[in-house]
């Protein structure tokens, strides 16, 4: 297997040096070049095109977003954004991801060299995840593995012990990772103002989810916001789990709401799709629709199986429309999925949620 060829574009000499050294330590990665701005990068990459580009956002002569759009229009290539965690940086990164970037590695404004060295696992993981992206999906309108013990949802919430009666209240739980920012935009912007309440886990670092939710709120007919503890799940509202914390569905009387809790990473992620899906299985059961979409790894697969076992209807994004067919593939392997659908058919499925029994008989 040949090494992953990486090109780094960043106006900081220190960042270029540290990123190059960090990536070069992994035998599966080869840094084939660096550039201080996109114009230099275009000239050098024309001689040897990389498998993955690591890209800063704010640079001289041409900003990173303009460069990213150019790349996706002319030569779609997996891109990992390396940006700061400022409010402005978060907004800019959301624009970059909507333009086709598949991952994020955050960097602070101070203590940069030490931070990047300490975050080497995140960087290497992001590059390897990006290399698995489907280039055919990149140009259409993260969540990085950490080497720690892989915990299950038991670390946050106990499993359901029985089945719930079916009611007229429906909840849609949606989990995604790499490529998910673009996929969520496609799904959510296609939904009408009045739709079932939707709760979302998108693997993202802390502080990025607020900007992501705010951006979607400006594009969608429904209200989209980063969830806060106690928020009601209700028709016409989309709640996105905040980065760095888990989100669980709970029921109080006739109403659903979310709990935002701390805790260890589950399936190596926080927020975790497995945690959300288990809570939905426990408190909504057959009154829910579970959807797992593009992403690397297996977070959400076991939780979706628990939802299906509890009577929920379950769907997966199909392989052809995924940027990375990892999470949906693992869910299919576990027999957790009633049906796999292309991305553009998921909005209609949300608006016409069948019972799980109807779904398994092949009815729409």
Foldseek 3Di string as FASTA:
>chain_A
DAAFEEEEEALDPLVVVLLQVLQVVDPRHDHPYYYNHLVVVVVVCVVPPGQEYEYEADGPPDGPQVSLLVCLVPPQHAYEYEYELDLVRLLSVLSSVQQFHFYYDYAHPPPGNVVCVVCSQQSNQSSVFSSQFDSVQRRDQADGFDPDDAAALVQPDDFADAADDADPAEEEEEEEHGSVLRLCLLQQQPAAQWFHFYEYEYFDAANNVQSSQVVSCVRGSARGGADDAFAWRGTRYYYYDGHQWEWEWADDVPTIGIGTGHTDAHSRTVHFLLNHLRRCCRHPAQRYEYEYEAHAGATNLVSLQSSVVNFHAYEYADDVNHRHPHNRVSNVVVVSHLYYDHSNCVNVCRRVPDTNVCSNVVHD
